[in-house]
């Protein structure tokens, strides 16, 4: 899967083709200046299962899913999507603004937004653009941190290990099993 692409990728999932067409049309009017000059690629799916299959092969920056679909709920779909792409931004769109749906969406899938149908086009475009830019900034920061960690010199790593050993004696002397698991012993001599 790609780390960071030069185009934002958005997945729309709704069992109603007319809604998908309206969403695609709405998002096509996002000004590239709102996206830092980046492009926008939108893929639509009327089947949650097909969308999940697509998530197995390509990274997306944002998933906007309907809440009520015949195959599975939007919460179930996004829960499965998180397993495939944990860092993808998520939004739910629903024609039903019931409290339980909102709470389930937030608690189970950490959606960034719960939007009601019918939506306001301008508001939706602004939310999508700001969510995409924010998600990109976070991913880039995480990538830089991982790179810095992997590029740490052996001297820096050794210095950090010495510091940890002096602060927490024995912490750097871990016994491991053949499978890589840590062996814990209650004996003070070990």
C-alpha atoms as a PDB file:
ATOM      1  CA  UNK A   1       0.000   0.000   0.000  1.00  0.00           C
ATOM      2  CA  UNK A   2       1.146   3.558  -0.682  1.00  0.00           C
ATOM      3  CA  UNK A   3       2.431   5.670   2.192  1.00  0.00           C
ATOM      4  CA  UNK A   4       1.595   9.192   1.064  1.00  0.00           C
ATOM      5  CA  UNK A   5       0.150   9.911  -2.355  1.00  0.00           C
ATOM      6  CA  UNK A   6       0.090  13.154  -4.333  1.00  0.00           C
ATOM      7  CA  UNK A   7      -3.668  12.907  -4.729  1.00  0.00           C
ATOM      8  CA  UNK A   8      -6.283  12.595  -2.027  1.00  0.00           C
ATOM      9  CA  UNK A   9      -8.334   9.412  -2.308  1.00  0.00           C
ATOM     10  CA  UNK A  10     -11.917   9.399  -1.065  1.00  0.00           C
ATOM     11  CA  UNK A  11     -14.206   6.370  -0.831  1.00  0.00           C
ATOM     12  CA  UNK A  12     -17.974   6.910  -0.854  1.00  0.00           C
ATOM     13  CA  UNK A  13     -20.176   4.014   0.269  1.00  0.00           C
ATOM     14  CA  UNK A  14     -23.973   4.143   0.018  1.00  0.00           C
ATOM     15  CA  UNK A  15     -26.513   1.625  -1.212  1.00  0.00           C
ATOM     16  CA  UNK A  16     -28.356   4.338  -3.165  1.00  0.00           C
ATOM     17  CA  UNK A  17     -26.741   5.161  -6.550  1.00  0.00           C
ATOM     18  CA  UNK A  18     -28.464   8.583  -6.652  1.00  0.00           C
ATOM     19  CA  UNK A  19     -26.851   9.537  -3.343  1.00  0.00           C
ATOM     20  CA  UNK A  20     -23.447   8.393  -4.588  1.00  0.00           C
ATOM     21  CA  UNK A  21     -23.843  10.468  -7.753  1.00  0.00           C
ATOM     22  CA  UNK A  22     -24.888  13.526  -5.748  1.00  0.00           C
ATOM     23  CA  UNK A  23     -21.943  13.125  -3.355  1.00  0.00           C
ATOM     24  CA  UNK A  24     -19.475  12.671  -6.204  1.00  0.00           C
ATOM     25  CA  UNK A  25     -20.865  15.749  -7.976  1.00  0.00           C
ATOM     26  CA  UNK A  26     -20.676  17.788  -4.751  1.00  0.00           C
ATOM     27  CA  UNK A  27     -17.067  16.801  -4.055  1.00  0.00           C
ATOM     28  CA  UNK A  28     -16.030  17.495  -7.650  1.00  0.00           C
ATOM     29  CA  UNK A  29     -16.468  21.201  -6.876  1.00  0.00           C
ATOM     30  CA  UNK A  30     -13.850  21.220  -4.093  1.00  0.00           C
ATOM     31  CA  UNK A  31     -11.336  23.898  -5.019  1.00  0.00           C
ATOM     32  CA  UNK A  32      -7.807  22.449  -5.281  1.00  0.00           C
ATOM     33  CA  UNK A  33      -6.575  25.442  -3.259  1.00  0.00           C
ATOM     34  CA  UNK A  34      -8.540  24.015  -0.317  1.00  0.00           C
ATOM     35  CA  UNK A  35      -6.487  20.831  -0.732  1.00  0.00           C
ATOM     36  CA  UNK A  36      -3.108  22.524  -0.884  1.00  0.00           C
ATOM     37  CA  UNK A  37      -3.004  22.140  -4.649  1.00  0.00           C
ATOM     38  CA  UNK A  38      -3.495  18.373  -4.500  1.00  0.00           C
ATOM     39  CA  UNK A  39      -5.970  16.505  -6.654  1.00  0.00           C
ATOM     40  CA  UNK A  40      -8.972  14.500  -5.512  1.00  0.00           C
ATOM     41  CA  UNK A  41      -9.884  10.995  -6.670  1.00  0.00           C
ATOM     42  CA  UNK A  42     -13.318   9.747  -5.618  1.00  0.00           C
ATOM     43  CA  UNK A  43     -14.404   6.121  -5.836  1.00  0.00           C
ATOM     44  CA  UNK A  44     -17.999   5.096  -5.192  1.00  0.00           C
ATOM     45  CA  UNK A  45     -19.373   1.783  -3.951  1.00  0.00           C
ATOM     46  CA  UNK A  46     -22.993   0.716  -3.569  1.00  0.00           C
ATOM     47  CA  UNK A  47     -21.828  -2.473  -1.834  1.00  0.00           C
ATOM     48  CA  UNK A  48     -20.015  -2.408   1.508  1.00  0.00           C
ATOM     49  CA  UNK A  49     -18.421  -5.787   0.731  1.00  0.00           C
ATOM     50  CA  UNK A  50     -16.993  -4.485  -2.553  1.00  0.00           C
ATOM     51  CA  UNK A  51     -15.688  -1.405  -0.758  1.00  0.00           C
ATOM     52  CA  UNK A  52     -13.925  -3.626   1.789  1.00  0.00           C
ATOM     53  CA  UNK A  53     -12.324  -5.607  -1.023  1.00  0.00           C
ATOM     54  CA  UNK A  54     -11.066  -2.350  -2.528  1.00  0.00           C
ATOM     55  CA  UNK A  55      -9.608  -1.293   0.835  1.00  0.00           C
ATOM     56  CA  UNK A  56      -7.512  -4.461   0.810  1.00  0.00           C
ATOM     57  CA  UNK A  57      -5.636  -3.294  -2.281  1.00  0.00           C
ATOM     58  CA  UNK A  58      -5.359   0.506  -2.059  1.00  0.00           C
ATOM     59  CA  UNK A  59      -5.029   3.185   0.605  1.00  0.00           C
ATOM     60  CA  UNK A  60      -7.656   5.870   1.015  1.00  0.00           C
ATOM     61  CA  UNK A  61      -7.493   9.163   2.864  1.00  0.00           C
ATOM     62  CA  UNK A  62     -11.189   9.370   3.741  1.00  0.00           C
ATOM     63  CA  UNK A  63     -14.184   7.059   3.844  1.00  0.00           C
ATOM     64  CA  UNK A  64     -17.657   8.577   3.817  1.00  0.00           C
ATOM     65  CA  UNK A  65     -20.231   5.874   4.510  1.00  0.00           C
ATOM     66  CA  UNK A  66     -23.991   5.712   4.777  1.00  0.00           C
ATOM     67  CA  UNK A  67     -25.219   4.626   8.192  1.00  0.00           C
ATOM     68  CA  UNK A  68     -28.002   2.271   7.064  1.00  0.00           C
ATOM     69  CA  UNK A  69     -27.208  -0.184   4.301  1.00  0.00           C
ATOM     70  CA  UNK A  70     -28.736  -3.598   3.570  1.00  0.00           C
ATOM     71  CA  UNK A  71     -25.511  -5.662   3.758  1.00  0.00           C
ATOM     72  CA  UNK A  72     -24.219  -4.164   6.990  1.00  0.00           C
ATOM     73  CA  UNK A  73     -24.503  -0.960   8.967  1.00  0.00           C
ATOM     74  CA  UNK A  74     -22.099   1.895   8.417  1.00  0.00           C
ATOM     75  CA  UNK A  75     -20.666   1.251  11.883  1.00  0.00           C
ATOM     76  CA  UNK A  76     -19.985  -2.410  11.038  1.00  0.00           C
ATOM     77  CA  UNK A  77     -18.492  -1.423   7.680  1.00  0.00           C
ATOM     78  CA  UNK A  78     -16.212   1.210   9.229  1.00  0.00           C
ATOM     79  CA  UNK A  79     -15.151  -1.188  11.996  1.00  0.00           C
ATOM     80  CA  UNK A  80     -14.015  -3.649   9.353  1.00  0.00           C
ATOM     81  CA  UNK A  81     -12.414  -0.826   7.339  1.00  0.00           C
ATOM     82  CA  UNK A  82     -10.412   0.251  10.407  1.00  0.00           C
ATOM     83  CA  UNK A  83      -8.985  -3.259  10.632  1.00  0.00           C
ATOM     84  CA  UNK A  84      -7.706  -2.855   7.058  1.00  0.00           C
ATOM     85  CA  UNK A  85      -6.649   0.800   7.234  1.00  0.00           C
ATOM     86  CA  UNK A  86      -6.457   2.010  10.845  1.00  0.00           C
ATOM     87  CA  UNK A  87      -5.444   5.584  10.016  1.00  0.00           C
ATOM     88  CA  UNK A  88      -8.074   6.380   7.384  1.00  0.00           C
ATOM     89  CA  UNK A  89     -10.325   9.346   8.236  1.00  0.00           C
ATOM     90  CA  UNK A  90     -13.982   8.353   8.635  1.00  0.00           C
ATOM     91  CA  UNK A  91     -17.364  10.081   8.321  1.00  0.00           C
ATOM     92  CA  UNK A  92     -20.911   8.727   8.470  1.00  0.00           C
ATOM     93  CA  UNK A  93     -23.855  10.123   6.536  1.00  0.00           C
ATOM     94  CA  UNK A  94     -27.376   9.266   7.626  1.00  0.00           C
ATOM     95  CA  UNK A  95     -30.955  10.188   6.928  1.00  0.00           C
ATOM     96  CA  UNK A  96     -31.734   9.112  10.482  1.00  0.00           C
ATOM     97  CA  UNK A  97     -30.381  11.354  13.193  1.00  0.00           C
ATOM     98  CA  UNK A  98     -31.112   9.070  16.114  1.00  0.00           C
ATOM     99  CA  UNK A  99     -28.979   9.386  19.212  1.00  0.00           C
ATOM    100  CA  UNK A 100     -27.986   5.708  19.335  1.00  0.00           C
ATOM    101  CA  UNK A 101     -26.672   5.798  15.762  1.00  0.00           C
ATOM    102  CA  UNK A 102     -24.556   8.850  16.510  1.00  0.00           C
ATOM    103  CA  UNK A 103     -23.154   7.351  19.717  1.00  0.00           C
ATOM    104  CA  UNK A 104     -22.385   4.005  18.066  1.00  0.00           C
ATOM    105  CA  UNK A 105     -20.605   5.766  15.216  1.00  0.00           C
ATOM    106  CA  UNK A 106     -18.473   7.848  17.526  1.00  0.00           C
ATOM    107  CA  UNK A 107     -17.736   5.173  20.117  1.00  0.00           C
ATOM    108  CA  UNK A 108     -17.088   2.233  17.829  1.00  0.00           C
ATOM    109  CA  UNK A 109     -15.428   3.819  14.805  1.00  0.00           C
ATOM    110  CA  UNK A 110     -14.177   7.212  16.022  1.00  0.00           C
ATOM    111  CA  UNK A 111     -15.773   8.988  13.079  1.00  0.00           C
ATOM    112  CA  UNK A 112     -14.643  12.560  12.678  1.00  0.00           C
ATOM    113  CA  UNK A 113     -18.111  13.668  11.577  1.00  0.00           C
ATOM    114  CA  UNK A 114     -21.686  12.396  11.614  1.00  0.00           C
ATOM    115  CA  UNK A 115     -23.556  14.190   8.829  1.00  0.00           C
ATOM    116  CA  UNK A 116     -27.294  14.211   8.188  1.00  0.00           C
ATOM    117  CA  UNK A 117     -29.063  13.776   4.864  1.00  0.00           C
ATOM    118  CA  UNK A 118     -29.828  16.010   3.148  1.00  0.00           C
ATOM    119  CA  UNK A 119     -26.461  17.693   3.522  1.00  0.00           C
ATOM    120  CA  UNK A 120     -25.418  21.220   2.723  1.00  0.00           C
ATOM    121  CA  UNK A 121     -23.057  21.017  -0.287  1.00  0.00           C
ATOM    122  CA  UNK A 122     -20.799  23.864   0.817  1.00  0.00           C
ATOM    123  CA  UNK A 123     -20.520  22.519   4.366  1.00  0.00           C
ATOM    124  CA  UNK A 124     -19.750  19.009   3.087  1.00  0.00           C
ATOM    125  CA  UNK A 125     -17.028  20.274   0.743  1.00  0.00           C
ATOM    126  CA  UNK A 126     -15.418  22.294   3.558  1.00  0.00           C
ATOM    127  CA  UNK A 127     -15.553  19.350   5.984  1.00  0.00           C
ATOM    128  CA  UNK A 128     -14.097  16.920   3.477  1.00  0.00           C
ATOM    129  CA  UNK A 129     -11.303  19.307   2.473  1.00  0.00           C
ATOM    130  CA  UNK A 130     -10.329  20.157   6.046  1.00  0.00           C
ATOM    131  CA  UNK A 131     -10.467  16.490   7.108  1.00  0.00           C
ATOM    132  CA  UNK A 132      -8.256  15.440   4.191  1.00  0.00           C
ATOM    133  CA  UNK A 133      -5.649  18.120   4.850  1.00  0.00           C
ATOM    134  CA  UNK A 134      -5.602  17.398   8.580  1.00  0.00           C
ATOM    135  CA  UNK A 135      -5.288  13.639   8.014  1.00  0.00           C
ATOM    136  CA  UNK A 136      -2.397  14.197   5.583  1.00  0.00           C
ATOM    137  CA  UNK A 137      -0.537  16.401   8.089  1.00  0.00           C
ATOM    138  CA  UNK A 138      -0.923  13.738  10.783  1.00  0.00           C
ATOM    139  CA  UNK A 139       0.233  10.913   8.472  1.00  0.00           C
ATOM    140  CA  UNK A 140       3.262  12.914   7.341  1.00  0.00           C
ATOM    141  CA  UNK A 141       4.225  13.663  10.960  1.00  0.00           C
ATOM    142  CA  UNK A 142       3.917   9.968  11.866  1.00  0.00           C
ATOM    143  CA  UNK A 143       6.026   9.001   8.840  1.00  0.00           C
ATOM    144  CA  UNK A 144       8.738  11.523   9.812  1.00  0.00           C
ATOM    145  CA  UNK A 145       8.764  10.244  13.402  1.00  0.00           C
ATOM    146  CA  UNK A 146       9.093   6.640  12.222  1.00  0.00           C
ATOM    147  CA  UNK A 147      11.916   7.618   9.862  1.00  0.00           C
ATOM    148  CA  UNK A 148      13.759   9.479  12.615  1.00  0.00           C
ATOM    149  CA  UNK A 149      13.383   6.478  14.886  1.00  0.00           C
ATOM    150  CA  UNK A 150      14.727   4.089  12.236  1.00  0.00           C
ATOM    151  CA  UNK A 151      17.635   6.426  11.422  1.00  0.00           C
ATOM    152  CA  UNK A 152      18.809   6.786  15.020  1.00  0.00           C
ATOM    153  CA  UNK A 153      22.529   6.132  15.274  1.00  0.00           C
ATOM    154  CA  UNK A 154      23.720   3.108  17.274  1.00  0.00           C
ATOM    155  CA  UNK A 155      25.404   5.531  19.671  1.00  0.00           C
ATOM    156  CA  UNK A 156      22.097   7.320  20.352  1.00  0.00           C
ATOM    157  CA  UNK A 157      20.323   3.975  20.832  1.00  0.00           C
ATOM    158  CA  UNK A 158      23.072   2.737  23.197  1.00  0.00           C
ATOM    159  CA  UNK A 159      22.902   5.986  25.159  1.00  0.00           C
ATOM    160  CA  UNK A 160      19.137   5.635  25.534  1.00  0.00           C
ATOM    161  CA  UNK A 161      19.509   2.004  26.631  1.00  0.00           C
ATOM    162  CA  UNK A 162      22.115   3.054  29.248  1.00  0.00           C
ATOM    163  CA  UNK A 163      19.757   5.741  30.528  1.00  0.00           C
ATOM    164  CA  UNK A 164      16.866   3.275  30.791  1.00  0.00           C
ATOM    165  CA  UNK A 165      19.071   0.692  32.542  1.00  0.00           C
ATOM    166  CA  UNK A 166      20.232   3.226  35.119  1.00  0.00           C
ATOM    167  CA  UNK A 167      16.680   4.411  35.742  1.00  0.00           C
ATOM    168  CA  UNK A 168      15.057   0.954  35.675  1.00  0.00           C
ATOM    169  CA  UNK A 169      17.707  -1.700  36.473  1.00  0.00           C
ATOM    170  CA  UNK A 170      17.231  -4.904  34.491  1.00  0.00           C
ATOM    171  CA  UNK A 171      14.883  -3.438  31.905  1.00  0.00           C
ATOM    172  CA  UNK A 172      17.290  -4.028  29.029  1.00  0.00           C
ATOM    173  CA  UNK A 173      17.968  -7.654  29.969  1.00  0.00           C
ATOM    174  CA  UNK A 174      14.803  -9.303  28.720  1.00  0.00           C
ATOM    175  CA  UNK A 175      14.596 -13.064  28.274  1.00  0.00           C
ATOM    176  CA  UNK A 176      12.744 -14.106  25.152  1.00  0.00           C
ATOM    177  CA  UNK A 177      11.170 -17.383  24.120  1.00  0.00           C
ATOM    178  CA  UNK A 178      11.781 -18.915  20.680  1.00  0.00           C
ATOM    179  CA  UNK A 179       8.530 -17.381  19.420  1.00  0.00           C
ATOM    180  CA  UNK A 180       9.688 -13.893  20.456  1.00  0.00           C
ATOM    181  CA  UNK A 181       7.519 -13.711  23.567  1.00  0.00           C
ATOM    182  CA  UNK A 182       8.916 -12.276  26.786  1.00  0.00           C
ATOM    183  CA  UNK A 183       9.642 -14.779  29.568  1.00  0.00           C
ATOM    184  CA  UNK A 184       8.584 -13.473  32.947  1.00  0.00           C
ATOM    185  CA  UNK A 185      10.058 -14.930  36.124  1.00  0.00           C
ATOM    186  CA  UNK A 186       8.981 -14.343  39.690  1.00  0.00           C
ATOM    187  CA  UNK A 187      12.391 -15.399  41.004  1.00  0.00           C
ATOM    188  CA  UNK A 188      14.547 -12.476  42.111  1.00  0.00           C
ATOM    189  CA  UNK A 189      17.753 -14.242  41.039  1.00  0.00           C
ATOM    190  CA  UNK A 190      16.811 -14.263  37.304  1.00  0.00           C
END
